[in-house]
Amino acid sequence: MSDSDMLKAAEAEVKRLEAEIAKSPLGQKLALARQVVALYRNETTVTFAGVVQGMQGLARLVETVANTTKTARIEAAAVQHLKATGRRATSGELLPVVVDAGIEITGKEPAKALSAYLSGSSALNNIREKGGYGLTEWGDNAGPVSLTKTGAEAPVP
């Protein structure tokens, strides 16, 4: 076998292995990690196993993956509930909401475990005196429902 034949065979094997790896969960994780690196390096395209994606597609992909983490799902359930009710809620009040969303919270005291997840959120803040967790866009108010017609904050019940 000549050198050029060996090179062709090796290149064909590389392509076959890359295609096989790209189909596997580990290969998909590798492709995603490469795409995230490219996103943070502000590269416009990423090529892996013959696939080229623009930054918009990559941003959607990163957002989708981010929303699959347990912490992100917990935060999304809490934010949705707070927006729907328009008022702050304690971790004890949010626990059934999160559990109803299909997210398991384990630990000796699940409400405290939930609080640990929520405390790191940039979308939420916790002001006990105003009723617990609320959206950061509410500032230090008890929530939009608690505001009177004049815009002044009504007392928390």
Protein backbone atom coordinates (compact mmCIF):
# COMPACT_ATOMS: atom_id res chain seq x y z
CA MET A 1 0.00 0.00 0.00
CA SER A 2 1.44 3.38 -0.99
CA ASP A 3 1.68 6.40 1.27
CA SER A 4 -1.14 8.16 -0.59
CA ASP A 5 -3.38 5.09 -0.15
CA MET A 6 -2.57 5.00 3.57
CA LEU A 7 -3.38 8.70 3.86
CA LYS A 8 -6.72 8.26 2.07
CA ALA A 9 -7.61 5.31 4.29
CA ALA A 10 -6.68 7.23 7.44
CA GLU A 11 -8.67 10.30 6.35
CA ALA A 12 -11.69 8.11 5.57
CA GLU A 13 -11.40 6.50 9.02
CA VAL A 14 -11.20 9.94 10.68
CA LYS A 15 -14.39 11.05 8.89
CA ARG A 16 -16.17 7.82 9.83
CA LEU A 17 -15.15 8.12 13.48
CA GLU A 18 -16.12 11.82 13.64
CA ALA A 19 -19.56 10.99 12.23
CA GLU A 20 -19.99 8.14 14.72
CA ILE A 21 -18.84 10.29 17.64
CA ALA A 22 -21.09 13.19 16.58
CA LYS A 23 -24.12 10.89 16.85
CA SER A 24 -23.26 9.75 20.37
CA PRO A 25 -24.27 11.68 23.52
CA LEU A 26 -20.61 12.34 24.29
CA GLY A 27 -20.04 13.71 20.79
CA GLN A 28 -23.09 15.95 21.12
CA LYS A 29 -21.76 17.28 24.42
CA LEU A 30 -18.40 17.95 22.78
CA ALA A 31 -20.08 19.82 19.91
CA LEU A 32 -22.11 21.87 22.38
CA ALA A 33 -19.02 22.70 24.45
CA ARG A 34 -17.21 23.83 21.30
CA GLN A 35 -20.18 26.00 20.35
CA VAL A 36 -20.30 27.61 23.80
CA VAL A 37 -16.57 28.37 23.61
CA ALA A 38 -17.11 29.93 20.18
CA LEU A 39 -20.01 31.99 21.53
CA TYR A 40 -17.87 33.43 24.31
CA ARG A 41 -15.03 34.09 21.89
CA ASN A 42 -17.54 35.97 19.73
CA GLU A 43 -16.86 33.82 16.66
CA THR A 44 -19.50 34.05 13.98
CA THR A 45 -19.54 30.40 12.94
CA VAL A 46 -18.57 27.04 14.32
CA THR A 47 -17.71 24.06 12.14
CA PHE A 48 -17.85 20.56 13.57
CA ALA A 49 -18.58 17.40 11.59
CA GLY A 50 -19.64 19.51 8.62
CA VAL A 51 -22.20 21.64 10.49
CA VAL A 52 -22.02 25.44 10.38
CA GLN A 53 -24.24 27.46 12.71
CA GLY A 54 -24.70 31.21 12.99
CA MET A 55 -24.59 33.05 16.29
CA GLN A 56 -28.38 33.28 16.55
CA GLY A 57 -28.80 29.53 16.33
CA LEU A 58 -25.98 29.07 18.79
CA ALA A 59 -27.54 31.53 21.25
CA ARG A 60 -30.84 29.63 21.06
CA LEU A 61 -28.97 26.38 21.62
CA VAL A 62 -27.18 27.76 24.68
CA GLU A 63 -30.47 29.10 26.06
CA THR A 64 -32.15 25.73 25.53
CA VAL A 65 -29.36 23.89 27.32
CA ALA A 66 -29.39 26.44 30.14
CA ASN A 67 -33.11 25.87 30.63
CA THR A 68 -32.56 22.16 31.04
CA THR A 69 -30.61 22.49 34.28
CA LYS A 70 -32.53 21.85 37.45
CA THR A 71 -31.70 25.30 38.78
CA ALA A 72 -32.97 26.98 35.60
CA ARG A 73 -36.21 24.95 35.66
CA ILE A 74 -36.76 25.87 39.32
CA GLU A 75 -36.14 29.55 38.57
CA ALA A 76 -38.47 29.46 35.55
CA ALA A 77 -41.28 27.88 37.59
CA ALA A 78 -40.85 30.45 40.37
CA VAL A 79 -40.74 33.39 37.95
CA GLN A 80 -43.84 32.16 36.13
CA HIS A 81 -45.73 31.84 39.42
CA LEU A 82 -44.63 35.25 40.69
CA LYS A 83 -45.64 36.92 37.42
CA ALA A 84 -49.03 35.17 37.51
CA THR A 85 -49.78 36.13 41.13
CA GLY A 86 -48.16 39.56 41.08
CA ARG A 87 -46.90 39.22 44.62
CA ARG A 88 -43.93 37.86 46.53
CA ALA A 89 -43.90 34.32 47.90
CA THR A 90 -41.87 32.43 50.47
CA SER A 91 -39.91 29.32 49.57
CA GLY A 92 -42.59 27.33 51.41
CA GLU A 93 -45.26 28.83 49.13
CA LEU A 94 -43.13 28.22 46.03
CA LEU A 95 -42.34 24.60 46.91
CA PRO A 96 -45.69 23.14 45.70
CA VAL A 97 -45.43 25.26 42.55
CA VAL A 98 -42.00 23.81 41.76
CA VAL A 99 -43.10 20.27 42.63
CA ASP A 100 -46.21 20.67 40.44
CA ALA A 101 -43.85 21.65 37.61
CA GLY A 102 -42.34 18.17 37.93
CA ILE A 103 -39.14 19.22 39.70
CA GLU A 104 -38.11 17.12 42.67
CA ILE A 105 -36.70 18.98 45.66
CA THR A 106 -34.99 16.65 48.08
CA GLY A 107 -33.53 17.10 51.51
CA LYS A 108 -34.62 17.02 55.12
CA GLU A 109 -36.28 20.42 54.73
CA PRO A 110 -37.30 20.83 51.06
CA ALA A 111 -38.35 24.49 51.48
CA LYS A 112 -34.84 25.35 52.69
CA ALA A 113 -33.31 23.36 49.83
CA LEU A 114 -35.51 25.31 47.41
CA SER A 115 -34.40 28.54 49.04
CA ALA A 116 -30.78 27.56 48.35
CA TYR A 117 -31.60 27.16 44.66
CA LEU A 118 -33.50 30.46 44.49
CA SER A 119 -30.97 32.54 46.41
CA GLY A 120 -28.47 32.44 43.56
CA SER A 121 -30.94 33.67 40.97
CA SER A 122 -30.36 37.03 39.31
CA ALA A 123 -34.06 37.15 38.34
CA LEU A 124 -35.23 36.98 41.97
CA ASN A 125 -34.59 38.75 45.23
CA ASN A 126 -35.67 37.77 48.72
CA ILE A 127 -37.02 40.42 51.06
CA ARG A 128 -38.62 38.71 54.06
CA GLU A 129 -40.29 41.88 55.31
CA LYS A 130 -42.10 42.24 51.99
CA GLY A 131 -43.22 38.62 51.72
CA GLY A 132 -40.25 36.62 50.45
CA TYR A 133 -39.07 36.03 46.89
CA GLY A 134 -40.04 38.48 44.19
CA LEU A 135 -38.84 39.50 40.76
CA THR A 136 -35.82 41.78 40.78
CA GLU A 137 -37.72 44.09 38.41
CA TRP A 138 -40.11 44.77 41.31
CA GLY A 139 -37.23 46.24 43.29
CA ASP A 140 -37.90 46.09 47.01
CA ASN A 141 -41.70 46.31 46.59
CA ALA A 142 -44.04 43.54 47.63
CA GLY A 143 -45.15 43.17 44.02
CA PRO A 144 -47.46 44.86 41.52
CA VAL A 145 -50.64 43.50 43.12
CA SER A 146 -49.69 45.17 46.40
CA LEU A 147 -49.52 48.65 44.88
CA THR A 148 -52.45 50.97 45.43
CA LYS A 149 -54.05 52.98 42.62
CA THR A 150 -51.76 55.91 43.44
CA GLY A 151 -48.66 53.73 43.06
CA ALA A 152 -47.93 53.69 46.78
CA GLU A 153 -47.23 50.33 48.31
CA ALA A 154 -50.10 48.81 50.26
CA PRO A 155 -49.32 47.12 53.57
CA VAL A 156 -48.39 43.44 53.37
CA PRO A 157 -51.13 41.32 54.98
